[in-house]
Amino acid sequence: MTVPVLLVLAQSTPTTDGSAPSPATFVEADLAAPQVSVLDLGVTRGDGIFESIGVVDGRAQALEPHLNRLAKSAGMLDLPAPDLDLWRAGVLRSIELAGDSAAASELLVKLVLTRGIEGGDDVTGWVLCFADVSHVDAREGISVVTLDRGYRSDVAETSPWLLQGAKTLSYALNKAALREAERRGADDVVFVSTDGFVLEGPNSTVIALIDGEYVTTPSSLGVLEGTTQAAFFSDVEARGGRASYRPITVDELRAADALWLASSGRQIAPVVSLDGVPVAQDPAFTAAAEERMLAR
């Protein structure tokens, strides 16, 4: 079989009557057939979570960090804890089914878990594996604009019900921000807080080179923990460089020696302009770092 591949998952759900839960399974599904009910809360309310895992030459990138982040997001939304053994097996099986064709050399595997049908007892879950070339398209660099997110940087602490730091299906605001970037002639967005700190992109982590140190925003400021960014930091530190998690001001961002947006799809995309101002880059460094990361 060649990509795309869809697996529908049925994870065991805790019972309240003392009976044994149904077994955890996944089945290969027909992409042309309906799979999700129009009553599913993931469809009607965006009430669910997801993860996107990059795959290069059959290797899932940062699989365990992605699974751990899925579990963390589930906990934040009070969803049943995902059966990580089942999800891991589903990811690996979807990659196996994708085959070894040229189209399967660079894949993205999307994991989705919703609260299921309103009033029901079972969650809905699936794994979708498909060809992806988004990070190839970004290797020449992307233009970025800063947009106000409308929150203070301490929102995760003051208002945890806003679910900052969870990877939820509620992406309408993120898509609206990307459309605003397009209207401004840019490719992507860096969100900033109302009190002047750098947050994250709609689907990426910000990395800045400041005074010889690679810096990213800590998750305590309500941003998603970056799996690709963490791999980049590991590579930097393994080669004797410095990397840290700390708040970054907007002024520091604009004065940074180099910038990247990190994500599972695009890996580390170099930022070539910020709010219309050119940003210096080292293409050789970025290419070498990405090659090392993809080979992990």
C-alpha atoms as a PDB file:
ATOM      1  CA  MET A   1       0.000   0.000   0.000  1.00  0.00           C
ATOM      2  CA  THR A   2       1.128   3.580  -0.580  1.00  0.00           C
ATOM      3  CA  VAL A   3       0.270   6.732   1.336  1.00  0.00           C
ATOM      4  CA  PRO A   4      -2.083   8.019   2.608  1.00  0.00           C
ATOM      5  CA  VAL A   5      -3.055   5.522   5.308  1.00  0.00           C
ATOM      6  CA  LEU A   6      -5.874   5.821   7.882  1.00  0.00           C
ATOM      7  CA  LEU A   7      -6.150   3.698  11.025  1.00  0.00           C
ATOM      8  CA  VAL A   8      -9.174   4.035  13.312  1.00  0.00           C
ATOM      9  CA  LEU A   9      -8.335   3.352  16.957  1.00  0.00           C
ATOM     10  CA  ALA A  10     -10.576   2.042  19.717  1.00  0.00           C
ATOM     11  CA  GLN A  11      -8.774   2.373  23.025  1.00  0.00           C
ATOM     12  CA  SER A  12     -10.092   0.716  26.162  1.00  0.00           C
ATOM     13  CA  THR A  13     -12.426   2.954  28.158  1.00  0.00           C
ATOM     14  CA  PRO A  14     -12.635   2.683  31.971  1.00  0.00           C
ATOM     15  CA  THR A  15     -15.848   1.041  33.164  1.00  0.00           C
ATOM     16  CA  THR A  16     -17.914   2.040  36.179  1.00  0.00           C
ATOM     17  CA  ASP A  17     -19.652  -1.290  36.805  1.00  0.00           C
ATOM     18  CA  GLY A  18     -16.565  -3.368  37.478  1.00  0.00           C
ATOM     19  CA  SER A  19     -16.660  -5.182  34.148  1.00  0.00           C
ATOM     20  CA  ALA A  20     -13.602  -5.636  31.983  1.00  0.00           C
ATOM     21  CA  PRO A  21     -13.002  -2.801  29.493  1.00  0.00           C
ATOM     22  CA  SER A  22     -13.238  -3.519  25.793  1.00  0.00           C
ATOM     23  CA  PRO A  23      -9.898  -4.442  24.225  1.00  0.00           C
ATOM     24  CA  ALA A  24      -7.755  -1.738  22.656  1.00  0.00           C
ATOM     25  CA  THR A  25      -7.568  -2.189  18.903  1.00  0.00           C
ATOM     26  CA  PHE A  26      -7.005  -0.387  15.630  1.00  0.00           C
ATOM     27  CA  VAL A  27      -8.238  -1.226  12.158  1.00  0.00           C
ATOM     28  CA  GLU A  28      -7.195  -0.065   8.726  1.00  0.00           C
ATOM     29  CA  ALA A  29      -9.946   2.153   7.364  1.00  0.00           C
ATOM     30  CA  ASP A  30     -11.177   3.049   3.895  1.00  0.00           C
ATOM     31  CA  LEU A  31     -10.182   6.651   3.173  1.00  0.00           C
ATOM     32  CA  ALA A  32     -13.135   6.978   0.792  1.00  0.00           C
ATOM     33  CA  ALA A  33     -15.691   5.890   3.407  1.00  0.00           C
ATOM     34  CA  PRO A  34     -17.177   8.048   6.213  1.00  0.00           C
ATOM     35  CA  GLN A  35     -15.347   7.560   9.524  1.00  0.00           C
ATOM     36  CA  VAL A  36     -16.425  10.315  11.944  1.00  0.00           C
ATOM     37  CA  SER A  37     -19.979  11.008  13.126  1.00  0.00           C
ATOM     38  CA  VAL A  38     -21.405  14.498  12.602  1.00  0.00           C
ATOM     39  CA  LEU A  39     -22.319  14.273  16.302  1.00  0.00           C
ATOM     40  CA  ASP A  40     -18.686  13.859  17.357  1.00  0.00           C
ATOM     41  CA  LEU A  41     -17.590  16.639  19.709  1.00  0.00           C
ATOM     42  CA  GLY A  42     -14.314  16.920  17.852  1.00  0.00           C
ATOM     43  CA  VAL A  43     -16.340  18.014  14.815  1.00  0.00           C
ATOM     44  CA  THR A  44     -19.070  20.078  16.484  1.00  0.00           C
ATOM     45  CA  ARG A  45     -17.003  21.710  19.260  1.00  0.00           C
ATOM     46  CA  GLY A  46     -13.320  21.146  18.453  1.00  0.00           C
ATOM     47  CA  ASP A  47     -13.252  19.203  21.734  1.00  0.00           C
ATOM     48  CA  GLY A  48     -10.197  17.050  21.287  1.00  0.00           C
ATOM     49  CA  ILE A  49      -6.433  16.941  20.873  1.00  0.00           C
ATOM     50  CA  PHE A  50      -3.906  15.975  18.215  1.00  0.00           C
ATOM     51  CA  GLU A  51      -0.237  15.463  17.469  1.00  0.00           C
ATOM     52  CA  SER A  52       1.705  15.585  14.196  1.00  0.00           C
ATOM     53  CA  ILE A  53       4.817  13.417  13.888  1.00  0.00           C
ATOM     54  CA  GLY A  54       7.365  13.848  11.116  1.00  0.00           C
ATOM     55  CA  VAL A  55       8.660  10.669   9.461  1.00  0.00           C
ATOM     56  CA  VAL A  56      11.832  10.536   7.363  1.00  0.00           C
ATOM     57  CA  ASP A  57      12.883   7.361   5.530  1.00  0.00           C
ATOM     58  CA  GLY A  58      10.615   5.261   7.737  1.00  0.00           C
ATOM     59  CA  ARG A  59      11.783   6.753  11.051  1.00  0.00           C
ATOM     60  CA  ALA A  60       9.264   8.544  13.279  1.00  0.00           C
ATOM     61  CA  GLN A  61      10.901  11.683  14.661  1.00  0.00           C
ATOM     62  CA  ALA A  62      10.624  12.195  18.459  1.00  0.00           C
ATOM     63  CA  LEU A  63       7.894   9.564  18.769  1.00  0.00           C
ATOM     64  CA  GLU A  64       8.009   9.254  22.565  1.00  0.00           C
ATOM     65  CA  PRO A  65       7.970  13.026  23.239  1.00  0.00           C
ATOM     66  CA  HIS A  66       4.951  13.308  20.934  1.00  0.00           C
ATOM     67  CA  LEU A  67       3.147  10.500  22.743  1.00  0.00           C
ATOM     68  CA  ASN A  68       3.950  12.056  26.119  1.00  0.00           C
ATOM     69  CA  ARG A  69       2.645  15.409  24.898  1.00  0.00           C
ATOM     70  CA  LEU A  70      -0.559  13.704  23.698  1.00  0.00           C
ATOM     71  CA  ALA A  71      -1.039  12.334  27.214  1.00  0.00           C
ATOM     72  CA  LYS A  72      -0.368  15.752  28.751  1.00  0.00           C
ATOM     73  CA  SER A  73      -2.912  17.435  26.470  1.00  0.00           C
ATOM     74  CA  ALA A  74      -5.473  14.737  27.316  1.00  0.00           C
ATOM     75  CA  GLY A  75      -4.976  15.412  31.008  1.00  0.00           C
ATOM     76  CA  MET A  76      -5.445  19.157  30.528  1.00  0.00           C
ATOM     77  CA  LEU A  77      -8.765  18.526  28.739  1.00  0.00           C
ATOM     78  CA  ASP A  78      -9.923  15.872  31.250  1.00  0.00           C
ATOM     79  CA  LEU A  79     -10.000  13.266  28.480  1.00  0.00           C
ATOM     80  CA  PRO A  80      -9.389   9.591  29.297  1.00  0.00           C
ATOM     81  CA  ALA A  81      -5.671   8.888  29.404  1.00  0.00           C
ATOM     82  CA  PRO A  82      -4.619   7.656  25.946  1.00  0.00           C
ATOM     83  CA  ASP A  83      -3.356   4.094  25.698  1.00  0.00           C
ATOM     84  CA  LEU A  84       0.143   5.018  24.546  1.00  0.00           C
ATOM     85  CA  ASP A  85       1.051   1.435  23.613  1.00  0.00           C
ATOM     86  CA  LEU A  86      -1.910   1.393  21.228  1.00  0.00           C
ATOM     87  CA  TRP A  87      -1.084   4.792  19.739  1.00  0.00           C
ATOM     88  CA  ARG A  88       2.569   3.865  19.341  1.00  0.00           C
ATOM     89  CA  ALA A  89       1.627   0.652  17.556  1.00  0.00           C
ATOM     90  CA  GLY A  90      -0.776   2.597  15.329  1.00  0.00           C
ATOM     91  CA  VAL A  91       1.933   5.073  14.334  1.00  0.00           C
ATOM     92  CA  LEU A  92       4.421   2.348  13.475  1.00  0.00           C
ATOM     93  CA  ARG A  93       1.829   0.316  11.579  1.00  0.00           C
ATOM     94  CA  SER A  94       0.737   3.334   9.533  1.00  0.00           C
ATOM     95  CA  ILE A  95       4.355   3.962   8.523  1.00  0.00           C
ATOM     96  CA  GLU A  96       4.752   0.309   7.570  1.00  0.00           C
ATOM     97  CA  LEU A  97       1.595   0.443   5.437  1.00  0.00           C
ATOM     98  CA  ALA A  98       2.763   3.639   3.745  1.00  0.00           C
ATOM     99  CA  GLY A  99       5.411   1.583   1.973  1.00  0.00           C
ATOM    100  CA  ASP A 100       8.836   2.612   0.726  1.00  0.00           C
ATOM    101  CA  SER A 101       7.961   4.568  -2.404  1.00  0.00           C
ATOM    102  CA  ALA A 102       9.407   8.013  -3.138  1.00  0.00           C
ATOM    103  CA  ALA A 103       6.142   9.515  -1.879  1.00  0.00           C
ATOM    104  CA  ALA A 104       6.726   7.823   1.473  1.00  0.00           C
ATOM    105  CA  SER A 105      10.232   9.172   2.080  1.00  0.00           C
ATOM    106  CA  GLU A 106       8.897  12.210   3.957  1.00  0.00           C
ATOM    107  CA  LEU A 107       5.648  11.645   5.830  1.00  0.00           C
ATOM    108  CA  LEU A 108       3.529  13.252   8.501  1.00  0.00           C
ATOM    109  CA  VAL A 109       1.529  11.097  10.906  1.00  0.00           C
ATOM    110  CA  LYS A 110      -1.384  12.862  12.577  1.00  0.00           C
ATOM    111  CA  LEU A 111      -2.879  11.487  15.796  1.00  0.00           C
ATOM    112  CA  VAL A 112      -6.377  12.694  16.744  1.00  0.00           C
ATOM    113  CA  LEU A 113      -8.322  11.967  19.941  1.00  0.00           C
ATOM    114  CA  THR A 114     -11.775  13.508  20.544  1.00  0.00           C
ATOM    115  CA  ARG A 115     -14.311  13.280  23.344  1.00  0.00           C
ATOM    116  CA  GLY A 116     -16.548  11.265  21.031  1.00  0.00           C
ATOM    117  CA  ILE A 117     -20.272  11.582  20.459  1.00  0.00           C
ATOM    118  CA  GLU A 118     -22.010  13.967  22.835  1.00  0.00           C
ATOM    119  CA  GLY A 119     -23.599  11.996  25.642  1.00  0.00           C
ATOM    120  CA  GLY A 120     -21.673   8.832  24.745  1.00  0.00           C
ATOM    121  CA  ASP A 121     -19.087   6.913  26.735  1.00  0.00           C
ATOM    122  CA  ASP A 122     -16.378   6.299  24.133  1.00  0.00           C
ATOM    123  CA  VAL A 123     -13.690   8.584  22.778  1.00  0.00           C
ATOM    124  CA  THR A 124     -12.862   8.721  19.076  1.00  0.00           C
ATOM    125  CA  GLY A 125      -9.332   8.241  17.822  1.00  0.00           C
ATOM    126  CA  TRP A 126      -7.485   7.805  14.572  1.00  0.00           C
ATOM    127  CA  VAL A 127      -4.027   7.880  12.985  1.00  0.00           C
ATOM    128  CA  LEU A 128      -3.582   9.392   9.526  1.00  0.00           C
ATOM    129  CA  CYS A 129      -0.299   8.996   7.646  1.00  0.00           C
ATOM    130  CA  PHE A 130       0.300  11.052   4.504  1.00  0.00           C
ATOM    131  CA  ALA A 131       3.084  12.453   2.349  1.00  0.00           C
ATOM    132  CA  ASP A 132       4.399  15.822   3.479  1.00  0.00           C
ATOM    133  CA  VAL A 133       6.843  18.246   1.865  1.00  0.00           C
ATOM    134  CA  SER A 134       6.193  21.332   3.989  1.00  0.00           C
ATOM    135  CA  HIS A 135       9.672  21.454   5.512  1.00  0.00           C
ATOM    136  CA  VAL A 136      11.243  21.148   2.061  1.00  0.00           C
ATOM    137  CA  ASP A 137       9.311  24.222   0.965  1.00  0.00           C
ATOM    138  CA  ALA A 138      10.635  26.170   3.977  1.00  0.00           C
ATOM    139  CA  ARG A 139      14.336  25.490   3.556  1.00  0.00           C
ATOM    140  CA  GLU A 140      14.885  28.711   1.637  1.00  0.00           C
ATOM    141  CA  GLY A 141      13.463  30.664   4.570  1.00  0.00           C
ATOM    142  CA  ILE A 142      10.131  32.147   5.601  1.00  0.00           C
ATOM    143  CA  SER A 143       8.862  35.654   6.262  1.00  0.00           C
ATOM    144  CA  VAL A 144       7.162  36.198   9.600  1.00  0.00           C
ATOM    145  CA  VAL A 145       5.031  38.866  11.266  1.00  0.00           C
ATOM    146  CA  THR A 146       4.374  39.380  14.976  1.00  0.00           C
ATOM    147  CA  LEU A 147       0.745  39.393  16.102  1.00  0.00           C
ATOM    148  CA  ASP A 148      -0.722  40.141  19.523  1.00  0.00           C
ATOM    149  CA  ARG A 149      -2.258  37.014  21.053  1.00  0.00           C
ATOM    150  CA  GLY A 150      -4.411  39.064  23.414  1.00  0.00           C
ATOM    151  CA  TYR A 151      -3.145  37.403  26.617  1.00  0.00           C
ATOM    152  CA  ARG A 152      -0.542  38.273  29.223  1.00  0.00           C
ATOM    153  CA  SER A 153       2.449  35.978  29.445  1.00  0.00           C
ATOM    154  CA  ASP A 154       1.225  34.570  32.791  1.00  0.00           C
ATOM    155  CA  VAL A 155      -2.129  33.374  31.389  1.00  0.00           C
ATOM    156  CA  ALA A 156      -1.312  29.680  31.929  1.00  0.00           C
ATOM    157  CA  GLU A 157      -0.944  30.370  35.645  1.00  0.00           C
ATOM    158  CA  THR A 158      -3.822  32.819  36.089  1.00  0.00           C
ATOM    159  CA  SER A 159      -6.355  31.146  33.751  1.00  0.00           C
ATOM    160  CA  PRO A 160      -5.586  27.436  33.257  1.00  0.00           C
ATOM    161  CA  TRP A 161      -9.083  26.858  31.809  1.00  0.00           C
ATOM    162  CA  LEU A 162      -7.926  28.633  28.647  1.00  0.00           C
ATOM    163  CA  LEU A 163      -5.817  25.508  27.961  1.00  0.00           C
ATOM    164  CA  GLN A 164      -2.703  27.358  26.864  1.00  0.00           C
ATOM    165  CA  GLY A 165      -0.029  24.720  26.264  1.00  0.00           C
ATOM    166  CA  ALA A 166      -2.461  21.974  25.193  1.00  0.00           C
ATOM    167  CA  LYS A 167      -2.473  20.847  21.551  1.00  0.00           C
ATOM    168  CA  THR A 168      -6.201  21.034  20.904  1.00  0.00           C
ATOM    169  CA  LEU A 169      -8.338  20.737  17.783  1.00  0.00           C
ATOM    170  CA  SER A 170      -9.626  24.296  18.307  1.00  0.00           C
ATOM    171  CA  TYR A 171      -7.510  25.842  15.556  1.00  0.00           C
ATOM    172  CA  ALA A 172      -9.810  28.541  14.199  1.00  0.00           C
ATOM    173  CA  LEU A 173      -7.781  31.338  15.811  1.00  0.00           C
ATOM    174  CA  ASN A 174      -4.495  29.906  14.554  1.00  0.00           C
ATOM    175  CA  LYS A 175      -5.842  29.661  11.011  1.00  0.00           C
ATOM    176  CA  ALA A 176      -7.152  33.222  11.240  1.00  0.00           C
ATOM    177  CA  ALA A 177      -3.686  34.407  12.286  1.00  0.00           C
ATOM    178  CA  LEU A 178      -2.101  32.670   9.294  1.00  0.00           C
ATOM    179  CA  ARG A 179      -4.615  34.340   6.973  1.00  0.00           C
ATOM    180  CA  GLU A 180      -3.679  37.691   8.522  1.00  0.00           C
ATOM    181  CA  ALA A 181      -0.013  36.913   7.855  1.00  0.00           C
ATOM    182  CA  GLU A 182      -0.871  36.204   4.223  1.00  0.00           C
ATOM    183  CA  ARG A 183      -2.722  39.512   3.964  1.00  0.00           C
ATOM    184  CA  ARG A 184       0.457  41.202   5.201  1.00  0.00           C
ATOM    185  CA  GLY A 185       2.567  39.382   2.618  1.00  0.00           C
ATOM    186  CA  ALA A 186       4.168  36.971   5.107  1.00  0.00           C
ATOM    187  CA  ASP A 187       4.331  33.186   5.453  1.00  0.00           C
ATOM    188  CA  ASP A 188       3.879  32.722   9.179  1.00  0.00           C
ATOM    189  CA  VAL A 189       3.271  34.309  12.582  1.00  0.00           C
ATOM    190  CA  VAL A 190       4.980  34.744  15.926  1.00  0.00           C
ATOM    191  CA  PHE A 191       2.448  35.434  18.663  1.00  0.00           C
ATOM    192  CA  VAL A 192       3.427  37.935  21.347  1.00  0.00           C
ATOM    193  CA  SER A 193       1.813  38.591  24.722  1.00  0.00           C
ATOM    194  CA  THR A 194       0.137  41.844  25.735  1.00  0.00           C
ATOM    195  CA  ASP A 195       3.010  42.473  28.175  1.00  0.00           C
ATOM    196  CA  GLY A 196       5.647  42.250  25.449  1.00  0.00           C
ATOM    197  CA  PHE A 197       6.973  38.672  25.478  1.00  0.00           C
ATOM    198  CA  VAL A 198       7.472  36.208  22.633  1.00  0.00           C
ATOM    199  CA  LEU A 199       5.139  33.195  22.742  1.00  0.00           C
ATOM    200  CA  GLU A 200       5.002  30.767  19.765  1.00  0.00           C
ATOM    201  CA  GLY A 201       3.769  30.357  16.215  1.00  0.00           C
ATOM    202  CA  PRO A 202       0.318  28.992  15.317  1.00  0.00           C
ATOM    203  CA  ASN A 203       1.954  25.587  14.794  1.00  0.00           C
ATOM    204  CA  SER A 204       5.614  26.110  15.656  1.00  0.00           C
ATOM    205  CA  THR A 205       8.146  26.914  18.371  1.00  0.00           C
ATOM    206  CA  VAL A 206      10.301  30.048  18.210  1.00  0.00           C
ATOM    207  CA  ILE A 207      14.086  29.689  18.464  1.00  0.00           C
ATOM    208  CA  ALA A 208      16.275  32.802  18.653  1.00  0.00           C
ATOM    209  CA  LEU A 209      20.054  33.124  18.610  1.00  0.00           C
ATOM    210  CA  ILE A 210      20.844  35.846  21.147  1.00  0.00           C
ATOM    211  CA  ASP A 211      24.436  36.700  22.152  1.00  0.00           C
ATOM    212  CA  GLY A 212      25.674  33.273  21.086  1.00  0.00           C
ATOM    213  CA  GLU A 213      22.937  31.348  22.924  1.00  0.00           C
ATOM    214  CA  TYR A 214      19.954  29.527  21.401  1.00  0.00           C
ATOM    215  CA  VAL A 215      16.858  30.548  23.332  1.00  0.00           C
ATOM    216  CA  THR A 216      13.195  29.539  23.327  1.00  0.00           C
ATOM    217  CA  THR A 217      10.158  30.484  25.393  1.00  0.00           C
ATOM    218  CA  PRO A 218       9.506  28.202  28.411  1.00  0.00           C
ATOM    219  CA  SER A 219       6.244  26.255  28.569  1.00  0.00           C
ATOM    220  CA  SER A 220       5.406  28.059  31.818  1.00  0.00           C
ATOM    221  CA  LEU A 221       4.350  31.010  29.631  1.00  0.00           C
ATOM    222  CA  GLY A 222       1.536  28.924  28.160  1.00  0.00           C
ATOM    223  CA  VAL A 223       3.253  27.708  24.991  1.00  0.00           C
ATOM    224  CA  LEU A 224       3.324  24.159  23.649  1.00  0.00           C
ATOM    225  CA  GLU A 225       6.433  22.147  24.490  1.00  0.00           C
ATOM    226  CA  GLY A 226       8.342  21.842  21.217  1.00  0.00           C
ATOM    227  CA  THR A 227       9.541  18.371  20.225  1.00  0.00           C
ATOM    228  CA  THR A 228      11.533  19.517  17.185  1.00  0.00           C
ATOM    229  CA  GLN A 229      12.960  22.435  19.146  1.00  0.00           C
ATOM    230  CA  ALA A 230      14.017  20.017  21.904  1.00  0.00           C
ATOM    231  CA  ALA A 231      15.838  17.870  19.322  1.00  0.00           C
ATOM    232  CA  PHE A 232      17.563  21.002  17.985  1.00  0.00           C
ATOM    233  CA  PHE A 233      18.656  22.008  21.498  1.00  0.00           C
ATOM    234  CA  SER A 234      20.031  18.505  22.109  1.00  0.00           C
ATOM    235  CA  ASP A 235      22.064  18.763  18.914  1.00  0.00           C
ATOM    236  CA  VAL A 236      23.358  22.223  19.853  1.00  0.00           C
ATOM    237  CA  GLU A 237      24.410  21.096  23.332  1.00  0.00           C
ATOM    238  CA  ALA A 238      26.000  17.890  22.012  1.00  0.00           C
ATOM    239  CA  ARG A 239      28.222  20.066  19.852  1.00  0.00           C
ATOM    240  CA  GLY A 240      29.244  22.293  22.774  1.00  0.00           C
ATOM    241  CA  GLY A 241      26.768  25.124  22.174  1.00  0.00           C
ATOM    242  CA  ARG A 242      24.532  26.878  24.691  1.00  0.00           C
ATOM    243  CA  ALA A 243      20.747  26.600  24.769  1.00  0.00           C
ATOM    244  CA  SER A 244      18.218  27.804  27.317  1.00  0.00           C
ATOM    245  CA  TYR A 245      14.535  28.260  28.091  1.00  0.00           C
ATOM    246  CA  ARG A 246      13.681  31.767  29.225  1.00  0.00           C
ATOM    247  CA  PRO A 247      11.272  34.605  28.461  1.00  0.00           C
ATOM    248  CA  ILE A 248      12.228  36.565  25.336  1.00  0.00           C
ATOM    249  CA  THR A 249      11.125  40.150  24.892  1.00  0.00           C
ATOM    250  CA  VAL A 250       9.876  41.404  21.537  1.00  0.00           C
ATOM    251  CA  ASP A 251      12.831  43.797  21.389  1.00  0.00           C
ATOM    252  CA  GLU A 252      15.228  40.862  21.875  1.00  0.00           C
ATOM    253  CA  LEU A 253      13.467  38.966  19.092  1.00  0.00           C
ATOM    254  CA  ARG A 254      13.936  41.865  16.696  1.00  0.00           C
ATOM    255  CA  ALA A 255      17.608  42.206  17.619  1.00  0.00           C
ATOM    256  CA  ALA A 256      18.384  38.459  17.472  1.00  0.00           C
ATOM    257  CA  ASP A 257      21.302  37.255  15.370  1.00  0.00           C
ATOM    258  CA  ALA A 258      19.121  34.536  13.769  1.00  0.00           C
ATOM    259  CA  LEU A 259      15.621  33.096  14.101  1.00  0.00           C
ATOM    260  CA  TRP A 260      13.916  29.779  13.317  1.00  0.00           C
ATOM    261  CA  LEU A 261      10.409  28.355  13.597  1.00  0.00           C
ATOM    262  CA  ALA A 262      10.553  24.680  14.572  1.00  0.00           C
ATOM    263  CA  SER A 263       7.797  22.145  13.867  1.00  0.00           C
ATOM    264  CA  SER A 264       7.392  18.480  12.990  1.00  0.00           C
ATOM    265  CA  GLY A 265       6.409  19.270   9.413  1.00  0.00           C
ATOM    266  CA  ARG A 266       8.990  21.902   8.498  1.00  0.00           C
ATOM    267  CA  GLN A 267      11.694  20.926  11.017  1.00  0.00           C
ATOM    268  CA  ILE A 268      13.722  24.140  11.590  1.00  0.00           C
ATOM    269  CA  ALA A 269      12.596  26.777   9.123  1.00  0.00           C
ATOM    270  CA  PRO A 270      14.925  29.803   9.005  1.00  0.00           C
ATOM    271  CA  VAL A 271      13.221  33.190   9.342  1.00  0.00           C
ATOM    272  CA  VAL A 272      14.507  35.564   6.668  1.00  0.00           C
ATOM    273  CA  SER A 273      12.365  38.576   7.569  1.00  0.00           C
ATOM    274  CA  LEU A 274      10.489  39.701  10.685  1.00  0.00           C
ATOM    275  CA  ASP A 275       7.809  42.368  10.288  1.00  0.00           C
ATOM    276  CA  GLY A 276       9.358  43.286   6.949  1.00  0.00           C
ATOM    277  CA  VAL A 277      12.912  43.643   8.297  1.00  0.00           C
ATOM    278  CA  PRO A 278      15.553  41.191   6.960  1.00  0.00           C
ATOM    279  CA  VAL A 279      16.973  38.670   9.446  1.00  0.00           C
ATOM    280  CA  ALA A 280      20.503  37.319   9.063  1.00  0.00           C
ATOM    281  CA  GLN A 281      20.861  33.582   8.441  1.00  0.00           C
ATOM    282  CA  ASP A 282      23.486  30.877   8.096  1.00  0.00           C
ATOM    283  CA  PRO A 283      22.053  28.438   5.507  1.00  0.00           C
ATOM    284  CA  ALA A 284      24.942  25.992   5.886  1.00  0.00           C
ATOM    285  CA  PHE A 285      24.433  25.763   9.652  1.00  0.00           C
ATOM    286  CA  THR A 286      20.664  25.272   9.314  1.00  0.00           C
ATOM    287  CA  ALA A 287      21.044  22.582   6.652  1.00  0.00           C
ATOM    288  CA  ALA A 288      23.663  20.681   8.660  1.00  0.00           C
ATOM    289  CA  ALA A 289      21.616  20.877  11.876  1.00  0.00           C
ATOM    290  CA  GLU A 290      18.501  19.619  10.116  1.00  0.00           C
ATOM    291  CA  GLU A 291      20.418  16.760   8.520  1.00  0.00           C
ATOM    292  CA  ARG A 292      21.712  15.659  11.918  1.00  0.00           C
ATOM    293  CA  MET A 293      18.240  15.916  13.465  1.00  0.00           C
ATOM    294  CA  LEU A 294      16.592  13.897  10.705  1.00  0.00           C
ATOM    295  CA  ALA A 295      19.225  11.187  11.083  1.00  0.00           C
ATOM    296  CA  ARG A 296      18.440  10.686  14.805  1.00  0.00           C
END
